[in-house]
Amino acid sequence: MRSITYFAGILVVMGLAFWAYRENYATQAAIGEMAQVQRQIASLREELGVLRAEWAYLNRPERLRQLVDLNFDRLQLIPVETGQFIALDNIDYPKPPAPVDPLVVLEGIATPEVQP
């Protein structure tokens, strides 16, 4: 009887050792994947910083003004002035359509027209 208990105990210990071994490798793989994702995030943030700096450099007002002057004959761009804007209250927005009563629509469908 003792030998069966010892054998079962050894099997349980071996099973737990195998489980711990697999969990250890799964954890190491997850840590490696997390480190790779963090490196990728850092790389993308650096790239985003470079793109923002490039955008700021390309949108400098003096550079844009030079481009407008250079291409004035084709683009006909002129500087924007404050007098060209109006208040939002002065804009006539379209009126929303009147609400439709569903009962009136259903009555129109339900009653057939009689032709003489």
Protein backbone atom coordinates (compact mmCIF):
# COMPACT_ATOMS: atom_id res chain seq x y z
CA MET A 1 0.00 0.00 0.00
CA ARG A 2 2.87 2.32 0.81
CA SER A 3 4.44 1.75 -2.58
CA ILE A 4 1.24 2.91 -4.31
CA THR A 5 1.21 6.06 -2.16
CA TYR A 6 4.90 6.71 -2.89
CA PHE A 7 4.34 6.11 -6.59
CA ALA A 8 1.31 8.45 -6.64
CA GLY A 9 3.30 11.08 -4.73
CA ILE A 10 6.18 10.82 -7.19
CA LEU A 11 3.75 11.16 -10.11
CA VAL A 12 2.17 14.25 -8.51
CA VAL A 13 5.60 15.82 -7.92
CA MET A 14 6.65 15.05 -11.49
CA GLY A 15 3.38 16.50 -12.82
CA LEU A 16 3.84 19.67 -10.76
CA ALA A 17 7.46 19.95 -11.91
CA PHE A 18 6.37 19.63 -15.54
CA TRP A 19 3.63 22.24 -15.01
CA ALA A 20 6.09 24.64 -13.32
CA TYR A 21 8.58 24.11 -16.16
CA ARG A 22 5.94 24.96 -18.81
CA GLU A 23 4.69 27.98 -16.86
CA ASN A 24 8.25 29.26 -16.49
CA TYR A 25 8.84 29.11 -20.25
CA ALA A 26 5.44 30.66 -20.99
CA THR A 27 6.25 33.50 -18.59
CA GLN A 28 9.66 34.03 -20.18
CA ALA A 29 8.04 34.14 -23.63
CA ALA A 30 5.46 36.68 -22.44
CA ILE A 31 8.19 38.84 -20.90
CA GLY A 32 10.16 38.70 -24.16
CA GLU A 33 7.10 39.64 -26.18
CA MET A 34 6.33 42.51 -23.80
CA ALA A 35 9.91 43.81 -24.13
CA GLN A 36 9.63 43.64 -27.92
CA VAL A 37 6.34 45.57 -27.88
CA GLN A 38 7.87 48.19 -25.57
CA ARG A 39 10.83 48.60 -27.94
CA GLN A 40 8.41 48.96 -30.84
CA ILE A 41 6.40 51.59 -28.92
CA ALA A 42 9.59 53.53 -28.15
CA SER A 43 10.61 53.37 -31.81
CA LEU A 44 7.20 54.58 -32.97
CA ARG A 45 7.24 57.43 -30.43
CA GLU A 46 10.64 58.50 -31.69
CA GLU A 47 9.37 58.35 -35.27
CA LEU A 48 6.32 60.39 -34.27
CA GLY A 49 8.58 63.02 -32.71
CA VAL A 50 10.59 63.22 -35.94
CA LEU A 51 7.40 63.55 -38.01
CA ARG A 52 6.09 66.32 -35.72
CA ALA A 53 9.38 68.18 -36.01
CA GLU A 54 9.30 67.81 -39.80
CA TRP A 55 5.69 69.03 -39.90
CA ALA A 56 6.59 72.07 -37.79
CA TYR A 57 9.57 72.78 -40.04
CA LEU A 58 7.54 72.52 -43.24
CA ASN A 59 4.69 74.68 -41.90
CA ARG A 60 6.79 77.65 -40.85
CA PRO A 61 4.93 80.84 -41.84
CA GLU A 62 7.98 82.37 -43.53
CA ARG A 63 8.48 79.23 -45.65
CA LEU A 64 4.81 79.13 -46.63
CA ARG A 65 4.92 82.82 -47.50
CA GLN A 66 7.93 82.20 -49.76
CA LEU A 67 6.09 79.34 -51.47
CA VAL A 68 3.04 81.55 -52.03
CA ASP A 69 5.22 84.30 -53.50
CA LEU A 70 7.03 81.78 -55.69
CA ASN A 71 3.78 80.26 -57.03
CA PHE A 72 1.57 83.36 -57.02
CA ASP A 73 1.06 83.35 -60.80
CA ARG A 74 -0.40 79.82 -60.67
CA LEU A 75 -2.18 79.79 -57.30
CA GLN A 76 -3.33 83.41 -56.95
CA LEU A 77 -3.19 83.11 -53.14
CA ILE A 78 -3.55 86.27 -51.08
CA PRO A 79 -3.10 86.79 -47.33
CA VAL A 80 -6.12 86.16 -45.12
CA GLU A 81 -7.46 89.22 -43.32
CA THR A 82 -9.82 89.50 -40.36
CA GLY A 83 -12.43 91.34 -42.41
CA GLN A 84 -12.99 88.20 -44.49
CA PHE A 85 -14.67 86.40 -41.59
CA ILE A 86 -18.21 86.77 -40.24
CA ALA A 87 -19.88 85.74 -37.01
CA LEU A 88 -21.63 82.38 -36.88
CA ASP A 89 -24.90 84.16 -36.08
CA ASN A 90 -24.91 85.65 -39.60
CA ILE A 91 -25.01 82.26 -41.33
CA ASP A 92 -28.43 81.09 -42.53
CA TYR A 93 -28.54 77.39 -41.81
CA PRO A 94 -31.21 75.30 -43.58
CA LYS A 95 -34.33 74.64 -41.55
CA PRO A 96 -34.85 71.04 -40.44
CA PRO A 97 -37.68 69.22 -42.22
CA ALA A 98 -41.04 69.19 -40.48
CA PRO A 99 -41.69 66.03 -38.47
CA VAL A 100 -43.92 63.49 -40.18
CA ASP A 101 -46.81 61.96 -38.24
CA PRO A 102 -46.64 58.17 -38.77
CA LEU A 103 -50.40 57.78 -38.34
CA VAL A 104 -51.09 60.12 -41.26
CA VAL A 105 -48.66 58.17 -43.42
CA LEU A 106 -50.27 54.86 -42.45
CA GLU A 107 -53.77 56.20 -43.14
CA GLY A 108 -52.67 57.31 -46.60
CA ILE A 109 -51.36 53.84 -47.33
CA ALA A 110 -54.34 51.97 -45.87
CA THR A 111 -57.10 53.79 -47.79
CA PRO A 112 -57.14 52.98 -51.50
CA GLU A 113 -58.15 55.71 -53.88
CA VAL A 114 -61.40 55.10 -55.75
CA GLN A 115 -61.43 56.19 -59.38
CA PRO A 116 -64.80 56.85 -61.08
